[in-house]
Amino acid sequence: MAKYASMVIEGDSMEPTYSAGDWLMGRWADYKLTGWNKVSFGDVVVVERDEQPGIFYVKRISETRGIGTTSAAIYLLSDNVAGTDSRQWGWLDISCVRAKIQFRMKRG
């Protein structure tokens, strides 16, 4: 079952799209690369990396691979080239996606 939650952006890794203090609404679910709960190129998602449980990152999906397999993976980029993302982390398993951003609710 999907649920919705708001979150506040911290930092500048997604500028100019989102800035520190922006409130976003995300749809939390078990995402895949196919089906009703699909994420794809260009989507902004919330990820939680296995190496940093409890820390959530907002990033944009830049590439996908393994569609329709059990080893589906995503490559994430910050909108700000100075941000930390898959250029440092490498490919991430699709299971790290916790939410898909639906919209910005208000500016902080």
PDB file of N, CA and C in Angstrom:
ATOM      1  N   MET A   1       0.842  -1.177   0.000  1.00  0.00           N
ATOM      2  CA  MET A   1       0.000   0.000   0.000  1.00  0.00           C
ATOM      3  C   MET A   1       0.887   1.241   0.000  1.00  0.00           C
ATOM      4  N   ALA A   2       0.570   2.161  -0.858  1.00  0.00           N
ATOM      5  CA  ALA A   2       1.325   3.397  -0.946  1.00  0.00           C
ATOM      6  C   ALA A   2       0.814   4.394   0.082  1.00  0.00           C
ATOM      7  N   LYS A   3       1.706   5.252   0.530  1.00  0.00           N
ATOM      8  CA  LYS A   3       1.313   6.337   1.419  1.00  0.00           C
ATOM      9  C   LYS A   3       2.031   7.595   0.968  1.00  0.00           C
ATOM     10  N   TYR A   4       1.565   8.716   1.439  1.00  0.00           N
ATOM     11  CA  TYR A   4       2.158   9.993   1.064  1.00  0.00           C
ATOM     12  C   TYR A   4       2.762  10.650   2.300  1.00  0.00           C
ATOM     13  N   ALA A   5       3.848  11.362   2.084  1.00  0.00           N
ATOM     14  CA  ALA A   5       4.489  12.068   3.189  1.00  0.00           C
ATOM     15  C   ALA A   5       5.175  13.311   2.653  1.00  0.00           C
ATOM     16  N   SER A   6       5.279  14.312   3.502  1.00  0.00           N
ATOM     17  CA  SER A   6       6.004  15.527   3.134  1.00  0.00           C
ATOM     18  C   SER A   6       7.415  15.439   3.673  1.00  0.00           C
ATOM     19  N   MET A   7       8.300  16.168   3.024  1.00  0.00           N
ATOM     20  CA  MET A   7       9.694  16.233   3.461  1.00  0.00           C
ATOM     21  C   MET A   7      10.244  17.613   3.129  1.00  0.00           C
ATOM     22  N   VAL A   8      11.265  18.017   3.853  1.00  0.00           N
ATOM     23  CA  VAL A   8      11.892  19.313   3.647  1.00  0.00           C
ATOM     24  C   VAL A   8      13.277  19.091   3.058  1.00  0.00           C
ATOM     25  N   ILE A   9      13.592  19.835   2.014  1.00  0.00           N
ATOM     26  CA  ILE A   9      14.914  19.749   1.388  1.00  0.00           C
ATOM     27  C   ILE A   9      15.945  20.416   2.285  1.00  0.00           C
ATOM     28  N   GLU A  10      17.056  19.717   2.478  1.00  0.00           N
ATOM     29  CA  GLU A  10      18.217  20.282   3.162  1.00  0.00           C
ATOM     30  C   GLU A  10      19.369  20.286   2.163  1.00  0.00           C
ATOM     31  N   GLY A  11      20.123  21.343   2.129  1.00  0.00           N
ATOM     32  CA  GLY A  11      21.269  21.412   1.223  1.00  0.00           C
ATOM     33  C   GLY A  11      20.889  21.913  -0.159  1.00  0.00           C
ATOM     34  N   ASP A  12      21.900  21.937  -1.040  1.00  0.00           N
ATOM     35  CA  ASP A  12      21.703  22.536  -2.364  1.00  0.00           C
ATOM     36  C   ASP A  12      21.937  21.574  -3.524  1.00  0.00           C
ATOM     37  N   SER A  13      21.946  20.272  -3.262  1.00  0.00           N
ATOM     38  CA  SER A  13      22.288  19.326  -4.321  1.00  0.00           C
ATOM     39  C   SER A  13      21.252  19.248  -5.436  1.00  0.00           C
ATOM     40  N   MET A  14      20.012  19.686  -5.188  1.00  0.00           N
ATOM     41  CA  MET A  14      18.985  19.632  -6.229  1.00  0.00           C
ATOM     42  C   MET A  14      18.646  21.006  -6.802  1.00  0.00           C
ATOM     43  N   GLU A  15      19.459  22.018  -6.493  1.00  0.00           N
ATOM     44  CA  GLU A  15      19.238  23.336  -7.094  1.00  0.00           C
ATOM     45  C   GLU A  15      19.581  23.275  -8.571  1.00  0.00           C
ATOM     46  N   PRO A  16      18.877  23.955  -9.416  1.00  0.00           N
ATOM     47  CA  PRO A  16      17.880  24.977  -9.147  1.00  0.00           C
ATOM     48  C   PRO A  16      16.453  24.445  -9.003  1.00  0.00           C
ATOM     49  N   THR A  17      16.232  23.134  -9.185  1.00  0.00           N
ATOM     50  CA  THR A  17      14.872  22.596  -9.132  1.00  0.00           C
ATOM     51  C   THR A  17      14.265  22.750  -7.749  1.00  0.00           C
ATOM     52  N   TYR A  18      14.996  22.289  -6.734  1.00  0.00           N
ATOM     53  CA  TYR A  18      14.557  22.394  -5.341  1.00  0.00           C
ATOM     54  C   TYR A  18      15.659  23.031  -4.531  1.00  0.00           C
ATOM     55  N   SER A  19      15.264  23.890  -3.599  1.00  0.00           N
ATOM     56  CA  SER A  19      16.221  24.599  -2.749  1.00  0.00           C
ATOM     57  C   SER A  19      16.009  24.225  -1.293  1.00  0.00           C
ATOM     58  N   ALA A  20      17.019  24.459  -0.473  1.00  0.00           N
ATOM     59  CA  ALA A  20      16.904  24.205   0.965  1.00  0.00           C
ATOM     60  C   ALA A  20      15.672  24.917   1.503  1.00  0.00           C
ATOM     61  N   GLY A  21      14.878  24.188   2.277  1.00  0.00           N
ATOM     62  CA  GLY A  21      13.655  24.739   2.843  1.00  0.00           C
ATOM     63  C   GLY A  21      12.404  24.432   2.046  1.00  0.00           C
ATOM     64  N   ASP A  22      12.542  23.944   0.816  1.00  0.00           N
ATOM     65  CA  ASP A  22      11.374  23.565   0.021  1.00  0.00           C
ATOM     66  C   ASP A  22      10.701  22.345   0.645  1.00  0.00           C
ATOM     67  N   TRP A  23       9.369  22.350   0.672  1.00  0.00           N
ATOM     68  CA  TRP A  23       8.576  21.206   1.136  1.00  0.00           C
ATOM     69  C   TRP A  23       8.129  20.412  -0.072  1.00  0.00           C
ATOM     70  N   LEU A  24       8.392  19.111  -0.060  1.00  0.00           N
ATOM     71  CA  LEU A  24       7.999  18.240  -1.156  1.00  0.00           C
ATOM     72  C   LEU A  24       7.016  17.198  -0.661  1.00  0.00           C
ATOM     73  N   MET A  25       6.139  16.759  -1.552  1.00  0.00           N
ATOM     74  CA  MET A  25       5.229  15.659  -1.252  1.00  0.00           C
ATOM     75  C   MET A  25       5.718  14.451  -2.046  1.00  0.00           C
ATOM     76  N   GLY A  26       5.900  13.347  -1.341  1.00  0.00           N
ATOM     77  CA  GLY A  26       6.351  12.125  -1.982  1.00  0.00           C
ATOM     78  C   GLY A  26       5.383  10.987  -1.758  1.00  0.00           C
ATOM     79  N   ARG A  27       5.314  10.091  -2.723  1.00  0.00           N
ATOM     80  CA  ARG A  27       4.488   8.889  -2.621  1.00  0.00           C
ATOM     81  C   ARG A  27       5.411   7.736  -2.267  1.00  0.00           C
ATOM     82  N   TRP A  28       5.264   7.202  -1.072  1.00  0.00           N
ATOM     83  CA  TRP A  28       6.113   6.133  -0.553  1.00  0.00           C
ATOM     84  C   TRP A  28       5.528   4.791  -0.958  1.00  0.00           C
ATOM     85  N   ALA A  29       6.334   3.947  -1.580  1.00  0.00           N
ATOM     86  CA  ALA A  29       5.882   2.626  -2.036  1.00  0.00           C
ATOM     87  C   ALA A  29       7.101   1.784  -2.370  1.00  0.00           C
ATOM     88  N   ASP A  30       6.864   0.549  -2.755  1.00  0.00           N
ATOM     89  CA  ASP A  30       7.894  -0.372  -3.211  1.00  0.00           C
ATOM     90  C   ASP A  30       7.997  -0.207  -4.722  1.00  0.00           C
ATOM     91  N   TYR A  31       8.971   0.557  -5.194  1.00  0.00           N
ATOM     92  CA  TYR A  31       9.052   0.910  -6.608  1.00  0.00           C
ATOM     93  C   TYR A  31       9.850  -0.104  -7.421  1.00  0.00           C
ATOM     94  N   LYS A  32       9.489  -0.185  -8.697  1.00  0.00           N
ATOM     95  CA  LYS A  32      10.132  -1.053  -9.682  1.00  0.00           C
ATOM     96  C   LYS A  32      10.381  -0.235 -10.948  1.00  0.00           C
ATOM     97  N   LEU A  33      10.933  -0.886 -11.972  1.00  0.00           N
ATOM     98  CA  LEU A  33      11.128  -0.216 -13.254  1.00  0.00           C
ATOM     99  C   LEU A  33       9.995  -0.518 -14.237  1.00  0.00           C
ATOM    100  N   THR A  34       9.040  -1.360 -13.825  1.00  0.00           N
ATOM    101  CA  THR A  34       7.863  -1.654 -14.638  1.00  0.00           C
ATOM    102  C   THR A  34       6.650  -1.745 -13.716  1.00  0.00           C
ATOM    103  N   GLY A  35       5.453  -1.668 -14.301  1.00  0.00           N
ATOM    104  CA  GLY A  35       4.234  -1.841 -13.523  1.00  0.00           C
ATOM    105  C   GLY A  35       3.651  -0.540 -13.014  1.00  0.00           C
ATOM    106  N   TRP A  36       2.626  -0.658 -12.172  1.00  0.00           N
ATOM    107  CA  TRP A  36       1.909   0.516 -11.654  1.00  0.00           C
ATOM    108  C   TRP A  36       2.779   1.385 -10.756  1.00  0.00           C
ATOM    109  N   ASN A  37       3.760   0.789 -10.092  1.00  0.00           N
ATOM    110  CA  ASN A  37       4.635   1.508  -9.163  1.00  0.00           C
ATOM    111  C   ASN A  37       5.989   1.772  -9.797  1.00  0.00           C
ATOM    112  N   LYS A  38       5.961   2.190 -11.031  1.00  0.00           N
ATOM    113  CA  LYS A  38       7.161   2.349 -11.842  1.00  0.00           C
ATOM    114  C   LYS A  38       7.841   3.704 -11.634  1.00  0.00           C
ATOM    115  N   VAL A  39       9.162   3.683 -11.641  1.00  0.00           N
ATOM    116  CA  VAL A  39       9.959   4.904 -11.747  1.00  0.00           C
ATOM    117  C   VAL A  39      10.781   4.780 -13.027  1.00  0.00           C
ATOM    118  N   SER A  40      11.115   5.929 -13.602  1.00  0.00           N
ATOM    119  CA  SER A  40      11.856   5.897 -14.859  1.00  0.00           C
ATOM    120  C   SER A  40      12.716   7.147 -15.004  1.00  0.00           C
ATOM    121  N   PHE A  41      13.417   7.216 -16.109  1.00  0.00           N
ATOM    122  CA  PHE A  41      14.310   8.328 -16.424  1.00  0.00           C
ATOM    123  C   PHE A  41      13.619   9.669 -16.168  1.00  0.00           C
ATOM    124  N   GLY A  42      14.302  10.540 -15.450  1.00  0.00           N
ATOM    125  CA  GLY A  42      13.795  11.882 -15.185  1.00  0.00           C
ATOM    126  C   GLY A  42      13.007  12.035 -13.901  1.00  0.00           C
ATOM    127  N   ASP A  43      12.536  10.923 -13.331  1.00  0.00           N
ATOM    128  CA  ASP A  43      11.791  11.006 -12.079  1.00  0.00           C
ATOM    129  C   ASP A  43      12.698  11.450 -10.939  1.00  0.00           C
ATOM    130  N   VAL A  44      12.150  12.246 -10.035  1.00  0.00           N
ATOM    131  CA  VAL A  44      12.870  12.623  -8.817  1.00  0.00           C
ATOM    132  C   VAL A  44      12.381  11.688  -7.719  1.00  0.00           C
ATOM    133  N   VAL A  45      13.340  11.042  -7.059  1.00  0.00           N
ATOM    134  CA  VAL A  45      13.011  10.015  -6.075  1.00  0.00           C
ATOM    135  C   VAL A  45      13.740  10.270  -4.763  1.00  0.00           C
ATOM    136  N   VAL A  46      13.230   9.640  -3.720  1.00  0.00           N
ATOM    137  CA  VAL A  46      13.879   9.622  -2.412  1.00  0.00           C
ATOM    138  C   VAL A  46      14.517   8.247  -2.273  1.00  0.00           C
ATOM    139  N   VAL A  47      15.811   8.216  -1.977  1.00  0.00           N
ATOM    140  CA  VAL A  47      16.506   6.944  -1.808  1.00  0.00           C
ATOM    141  C   VAL A  47      17.124   6.862  -0.421  1.00  0.00           C
ATOM    142  N   GLU A  48      17.231   5.637   0.047  1.00  0.00           N
ATOM    143  CA  GLU A  48      17.921   5.335   1.307  1.00  0.00           C
ATOM    144  C   GLU A  48      18.960   4.270   0.967  1.00  0.00           C
ATOM    145  N   ARG A  49      20.222   4.629   1.076  1.00  0.00           N
ATOM    146  CA  ARG A  49      21.305   3.704   0.734  1.00  0.00           C
ATOM    147  C   ARG A  49      21.563   2.734   1.880  1.00  0.00           C
ATOM    148  N   ASP A  50      21.902   1.483   1.540  1.00  0.00           N
ATOM    149  CA  ASP A  50      22.213   0.472   2.553  1.00  0.00           C
ATOM    150  C   ASP A  50      23.351   0.920   3.464  1.00  0.00           C
ATOM    151  N   GLU A  51      24.292   1.684   2.911  1.00  0.00           N
ATOM    152  CA  GLU A  51      25.456   2.138   3.677  1.00  0.00           C
ATOM    153  C   GLU A  51      25.115   3.224   4.692  1.00  0.00           C
ATOM    154  N   GLN A  52      23.957   3.862   4.543  1.00  0.00           N
ATOM    155  CA  GLN A  52      23.544   4.956   5.428  1.00  0.00           C
ATOM    156  C   GLN A  52      22.066   4.834   5.784  1.00  0.00           C
ATOM    157  N   PRO A  53      21.691   3.786   6.519  1.00  0.00           N
ATOM    158  CA  PRO A  53      20.277   3.623   6.861  1.00  0.00           C
ATOM    159  C   PRO A  53      19.760   4.818   7.665  1.00  0.00           C
ATOM    160  N   GLY A  54      18.531   5.228   7.339  1.00  0.00           N
ATOM    161  CA  GLY A  54      17.923   6.346   8.043  1.00  0.00           C
ATOM    162  C   GLY A  54      18.236   7.699   7.446  1.00  0.00           C
ATOM    163  N   ILE A  55      19.123   7.747   6.448  1.00  0.00           N
ATOM    164  CA  ILE A  55      19.445   9.003   5.761  1.00  0.00           C
ATOM    165  C   ILE A  55      18.842   8.931   4.370  1.00  0.00           C
ATOM    166  N   PHE A  56      18.045   9.937   4.030  1.00  0.00           N
ATOM    167  CA  PHE A  56      17.319   9.942   2.769  1.00  0.00           C
ATOM    168  C   PHE A  56      17.857  11.028   1.853  1.00  0.00           C
ATOM    169  N   TYR A  57      18.004  10.692   0.582  1.00  0.00           N
ATOM    170  CA  TYR A  57      18.503  11.609  -0.436  1.00  0.00           C
ATOM    171  C   TYR A  57      17.439  11.815  -1.499  1.00  0.00           C
ATOM    172  N   VAL A  58      17.313  13.040  -1.987  1.00  0.00           N
ATOM    173  CA  VAL A  58      16.431  13.348  -3.105  1.00  0.00           C
ATOM    174  C   VAL A  58      17.325  13.525  -4.327  1.00  0.00           C
ATOM    175  N   LYS A  59      17.092  12.684  -5.352  1.00  0.00           N
ATOM    176  CA  LYS A  59      17.915  12.695  -6.562  1.00  0.00           C
ATOM    177  C   LYS A  59      17.046  12.416  -7.778  1.00  0.00           C
ATOM    178  N   ARG A  60      17.612  12.674  -8.961  1.00  0.00           N
ATOM    179  CA  ARG A  60      16.909  12.442 -10.222  1.00  0.00           C
ATOM    180  C   ARG A  60      17.469  11.186 -10.886  1.00  0.00           C
ATOM    181  N   ILE A  61      16.567  10.346 -11.407  1.00  0.00           N
ATOM    182  CA  ILE A  61      17.012   9.151 -12.124  1.00  0.00           C
ATOM    183  C   ILE A  61      17.560   9.569 -13.479  1.00  0.00           C
ATOM    184  N   SER A  62      18.826   9.226 -13.712  1.00  0.00           N
ATOM    185  CA  SER A  62      19.506   9.578 -14.940  1.00  0.00           C
ATOM    186  C   SER A  62      19.548   8.412 -15.928  1.00  0.00           C
ATOM    187  N   GLU A  63      19.644   7.195 -15.390  1.00  0.00           N
ATOM    188  CA  GLU A  63      19.682   5.996 -16.229  1.00  0.00           C
ATOM    189  C   GLU A  63      19.081   4.834 -15.454  1.00  0.00           C
ATOM    190  N   THR A  64      18.596   3.843 -16.204  1.00  0.00           N
ATOM    191  CA  THR A  64      18.116   2.605 -15.594  1.00  0.00           C
ATOM    192  C   THR A  64      18.724   1.443 -16.369  1.00  0.00           C
ATOM    193  N   ARG A  65      18.827   0.299 -15.693  1.00  0.00           N
ATOM    194  CA  ARG A  65      19.273  -0.914 -16.395  1.00  0.00           C
ATOM    195  C   ARG A  65      18.650  -2.128 -15.710  1.00  0.00           C
ATOM    196  N   GLY A  66      18.501  -3.187 -16.490  1.00  0.00           N
ATOM    197  CA  GLY A  66      17.951  -4.414 -15.947  1.00  0.00           C
ATOM    198  C   GLY A  66      16.449  -4.429 -15.852  1.00  0.00           C
ATOM    199  N   ILE A  67      15.755  -3.661 -16.705  1.00  0.00           N
ATOM    200  CA  ILE A  67      14.294  -3.640 -16.671  1.00  0.00           C
ATOM    201  C   ILE A  67      13.774  -5.060 -16.870  1.00  0.00           C
ATOM    202  N   GLY A  68      12.869  -5.479 -15.991  1.00  0.00           N
ATOM    203  CA  GLY A  68      12.277  -6.797 -16.084  1.00  0.00           C
ATOM    204  C   GLY A  68      13.122  -7.913 -15.490  1.00  0.00           C
ATOM    205  N   THR A  69      14.213  -7.551 -14.801  1.00  0.00           N
ATOM    206  CA  THR A  69      15.051  -8.564 -14.160  1.00  0.00           C
ATOM    207  C   THR A  69      15.041  -8.354 -12.661  1.00  0.00           C
ATOM    208  N   THR A  70      15.618  -9.288 -11.943  1.00  0.00           N
ATOM    209  CA  THR A  70      15.701  -9.154 -10.490  1.00  0.00           C
ATOM    210  C   THR A  70      16.861  -8.263 -10.066  1.00  0.00           C
ATOM    211  N   SER A  71      17.695  -7.858 -11.021  1.00  0.00           N
ATOM    212  CA  SER A  71      18.838  -7.004 -10.677  1.00  0.00           C
ATOM    213  C   SER A  71      18.690  -5.606 -11.274  1.00  0.00           C
ATOM    214  N   ALA A  72      17.472  -5.074 -11.270  1.00  0.00           N
ATOM    215  CA  ALA A  72      17.229  -3.737 -11.803  1.00  0.00           C
ATOM    216  C   ALA A  72      17.991  -2.707 -10.983  1.00  0.00           C
ATOM    217  N   ALA A  73      18.560  -1.718 -11.681  1.00  0.00           N
ATOM    218  CA  ALA A  73      19.385  -0.711 -11.013  1.00  0.00           C
ATOM    219  C   ALA A  73      19.113   0.659 -11.603  1.00  0.00           C
ATOM    220  N   ILE A  74      19.435   1.668 -10.817  1.00  0.00           N
ATOM    221  CA  ILE A  74      19.262   3.053 -11.244  1.00  0.00           C
ATOM    222  C   ILE A  74      20.550   3.826 -11.024  1.00  0.00           C
ATOM    223  N   TYR A  75      20.742   4.845 -11.862  1.00  0.00           N
ATOM    224  CA  TYR A  75      21.866   5.761 -11.735  1.00  0.00           C
ATOM    225  C   TYR A  75      21.259   7.114 -11.449  1.00  0.00           C
ATOM    226  N   LEU A  76      21.671   7.719 -10.352  1.00  0.00           N
ATOM    227  CA  LEU A  76      21.063   8.959  -9.864  1.00  0.00           C
ATOM    228  C   LEU A  76      22.022  10.129  -9.992  1.00  0.00           C
ATOM    229  N   LEU A  77      21.481  11.272 -10.358  1.00  0.00           N
ATOM    230  CA  LEU A  77      22.276  12.493 -10.409  1.00  0.00           C
ATOM    231  C   LEU A  77      21.576  13.605  -9.638  1.00  0.00           C
ATOM    232  N   SER A  78      22.373  14.473  -9.051  1.00  0.00           N
ATOM    233  CA  SER A  78      21.876  15.706  -8.447  1.00  0.00           C
ATOM    234  C   SER A  78      21.630  16.690  -9.580  1.00  0.00           C
ATOM    235  N   ASP A  79      20.702  17.627  -9.414  1.00  0.00           N
ATOM    236  CA  ASP A  79      20.526  18.667 -10.424  1.00  0.00           C
ATOM    237  C   ASP A  79      21.677  19.663 -10.370  1.00  0.00           C
ATOM    238  N   ASN A  80      22.307  19.794  -9.213  1.00  0.00           N
ATOM    239  CA  ASN A  80      23.482  20.635  -9.014  1.00  0.00           C
ATOM    240  C   ASN A  80      24.711  19.746  -9.205  1.00  0.00           C
ATOM    241  N   VAL A  81      25.567  20.068 -10.152  1.00  0.00           N
ATOM    242  CA  VAL A  81      26.727  19.205 -10.443  1.00  0.00           C
ATOM    243  C   VAL A  81      27.659  19.029  -9.249  1.00  0.00           C
ATOM    244  N   ALA A  82      27.557  19.897  -8.247  1.00  0.00           N
ATOM    245  CA  ALA A  82      28.396  19.775  -7.055  1.00  0.00           C
ATOM    246  C   ALA A  82      27.821  18.782  -6.039  1.00  0.00           C
ATOM    247  N   GLY A  83      26.629  18.230  -6.303  1.00  0.00           N
ATOM    248  CA  GLY A  83      25.979  17.321  -5.363  1.00  0.00           C
ATOM    249  C   GLY A  83      26.608  15.934  -5.349  1.00  0.00           C
ATOM    250  N   THR A  84      26.344  15.203  -4.286  1.00  0.00           N
ATOM    251  CA  THR A  84      26.792  13.814  -4.154  1.00  0.00           C
ATOM    252  C   THR A  84      25.721  12.908  -4.737  1.00  0.00           C
ATOM    253  N   ASP A  85      26.142  11.946  -5.564  1.00  0.00           N
ATOM    254  CA  ASP A  85      25.174  11.086  -6.250  1.00  0.00           C
ATOM    255  C   ASP A  85      25.880   9.852  -6.787  1.00  0.00           C
ATOM    256  N   SER A  86      25.337   9.242  -7.828  1.00  0.00           N
ATOM    257  CA  SER A  86      25.906   8.002  -8.368  1.00  0.00           C
ATOM    258  C   SER A  86      27.295   8.182  -8.970  1.00  0.00           C
ATOM    259  N   ARG A  87      27.714   9.402  -9.194  1.00  0.00           N
ATOM    260  CA  ARG A  87      29.092   9.605  -9.639  1.00  0.00           C
ATOM    261  C   ARG A  87      30.063   9.169  -8.551  1.00  0.00           C
ATOM    262  N   GLN A  88      29.637   9.236  -7.287  1.00  0.00           N
ATOM    263  CA  GLN A  88      30.424   8.736  -6.167  1.00  0.00           C
ATOM    264  C   GLN A  88      29.961   7.343  -5.736  1.00  0.00           C
ATOM    265  N   TRP A  89      28.655   7.086  -5.745  1.00  0.00           N
ATOM    266  CA  TRP A  89      28.078   5.844  -5.224  1.00  0.00           C
ATOM    267  C   TRP A  89      28.074   4.707  -6.220  1.00  0.00           C
ATOM    268  N   GLY A  90      28.004   5.019  -7.505  1.00  0.00           N
ATOM    269  CA  GLY A  90      27.803   3.998  -8.516  1.00  0.00           C
ATOM    270  C   GLY A  90      26.317   3.683  -8.671  1.00  0.00           C
ATOM    271  N   TRP A  91      26.019   2.591  -9.375  1.00  0.00           N
ATOM    272  CA  TRP A  91      24.645   2.163  -9.596  1.00  0.00           C
ATOM    273  C   TRP A  91      24.037   1.694  -8.278  1.00  0.00           C
ATOM    274  N   LEU A  92      22.746   1.983  -8.075  1.00  0.00           N
ATOM    275  CA  LEU A  92      22.030   1.550  -6.877  1.00  0.00           C
ATOM    276  C   LEU A  92      20.913   0.591  -7.271  1.00  0.00           C
ATOM    277  N   ASP A  93      20.682  -0.409  -6.442  1.00  0.00           N
ATOM    278  CA  ASP A  93      19.581  -1.328  -6.670  1.00  0.00           C
ATOM    279  C   ASP A  93      18.260  -0.571  -6.563  1.00  0.00           C
ATOM    280  N   ILE A  94      17.304  -0.954  -7.383  1.00  0.00           N
ATOM    281  CA  ILE A  94      16.001  -0.292  -7.386  1.00  0.00           C
ATOM    282  C   ILE A  94      15.345  -0.335  -6.008  1.00  0.00           C
ATOM    283  N   SER A  95      15.694  -1.305  -5.199  1.00  0.00           N
ATOM    284  CA  SER A  95      15.078  -1.434  -3.867  1.00  0.00           C
ATOM    285  C   SER A  95      15.423  -0.283  -2.934  1.00  0.00           C
ATOM    286  N   CYS A  96      16.404   0.542  -3.273  1.00  0.00           N
ATOM    287  CA  CYS A  96      16.755   1.683  -2.412  1.00  0.00           C
ATOM    288  C   CYS A  96      15.783   2.847  -2.575  1.00  0.00           C
ATOM    289  N   VAL A  97      14.937   2.805  -3.607  1.00  0.00           N
ATOM    290  CA  VAL A  97      13.954   3.882  -3.809  1.00  0.00           C
ATOM    291  C   VAL A  97      12.840   3.731  -2.783  1.00  0.00           C
ATOM    292  N   ARG A  98      12.637   4.767  -2.001  1.00  0.00           N
ATOM    293  CA  ARG A  98      11.601   4.763  -0.975  1.00  0.00           C
ATOM    294  C   ARG A  98      10.356   5.542  -1.391  1.00  0.00           C
ATOM    295  N   ALA A  99      10.570   6.603  -2.196  1.00  0.00           N
ATOM    296  CA  ALA A  99       9.443   7.458  -2.581  1.00  0.00           C
ATOM    297  C   ALA A  99       9.723   8.111  -3.927  1.00  0.00           C
ATOM    298  N   LYS A 100       8.644   8.506  -4.570  1.00  0.00           N
ATOM    299  CA  LYS A 100       8.709   9.270  -5.812  1.00  0.00           C
ATOM    300  C   LYS A 100       8.106  10.635  -5.521  1.00  0.00           C
ATOM    301  N   ILE A 101       8.847  11.689  -5.821  1.00  0.00           N
ATOM    302  CA  ILE A 101       8.364  13.045  -5.540  1.00  0.00           C
ATOM    303  C   ILE A 101       7.217  13.372  -6.495  1.00  0.00           C
ATOM    304  N   GLN A 102       6.119  13.857  -5.925  1.00  0.00           N
ATOM    305  CA  GLN A 102       4.941  14.209  -6.703  1.00  0.00           C
ATOM    306  C   GLN A 102       4.904  15.696  -7.035  1.00  0.00           C
ATOM    307  N   PHE A 103       5.241  16.547  -6.041  1.00  0.00           N
ATOM    308  CA  PHE A 103       5.237  17.984  -6.286  1.00  0.00           C
ATOM    309  C   PHE A 103       5.843  18.719  -5.099  1.00  0.00           C
ATOM    310  N   ARG A 104       6.161  19.999  -5.349  1.00  0.00           N
ATOM    311  CA  ARG A 104       6.608  20.890  -4.269  1.00  0.00           C
ATOM    312  C   ARG A 104       5.353  21.493  -3.659  1.00  0.00           C
ATOM    313  N   MET A 105       5.240  21.430  -2.333  1.00  0.00           N
ATOM    314  CA  MET A 105       4.053  21.935  -1.654  1.00  0.00           C
ATOM    315  C   MET A 105       4.124  23.427  -1.421  1.00  0.00           C
ATOM    316  N   LYS A 106       5.267  23.897  -0.964  1.00  0.00           N
ATOM    317  CA  LYS A 106       5.433  25.322  -0.726  1.00  0.00           C
ATOM    318  C   LYS A 106       6.912  25.591  -0.548  1.00  0.00           C
ATOM    319  N   ARG A 107       7.277  26.824  -0.672  1.00  0.00           N
ATOM    320  CA  ARG A 107       8.659  27.223  -0.445  1.00  0.00           C
ATOM    321  C   ARG A 107       8.779  27.638   1.002  1.00  0.00           C
ATOM    322  N   GLY A 108       9.849  27.149   1.677  1.00  0.00           N
ATOM    323  CA  GLY A 108      10.031  27.383   3.110  1.00  0.00           C
ATOM    324  C   GLY A 108      10.239  28.796   3.514  1.00  0.00           C
TER     325      GLY A 108
END
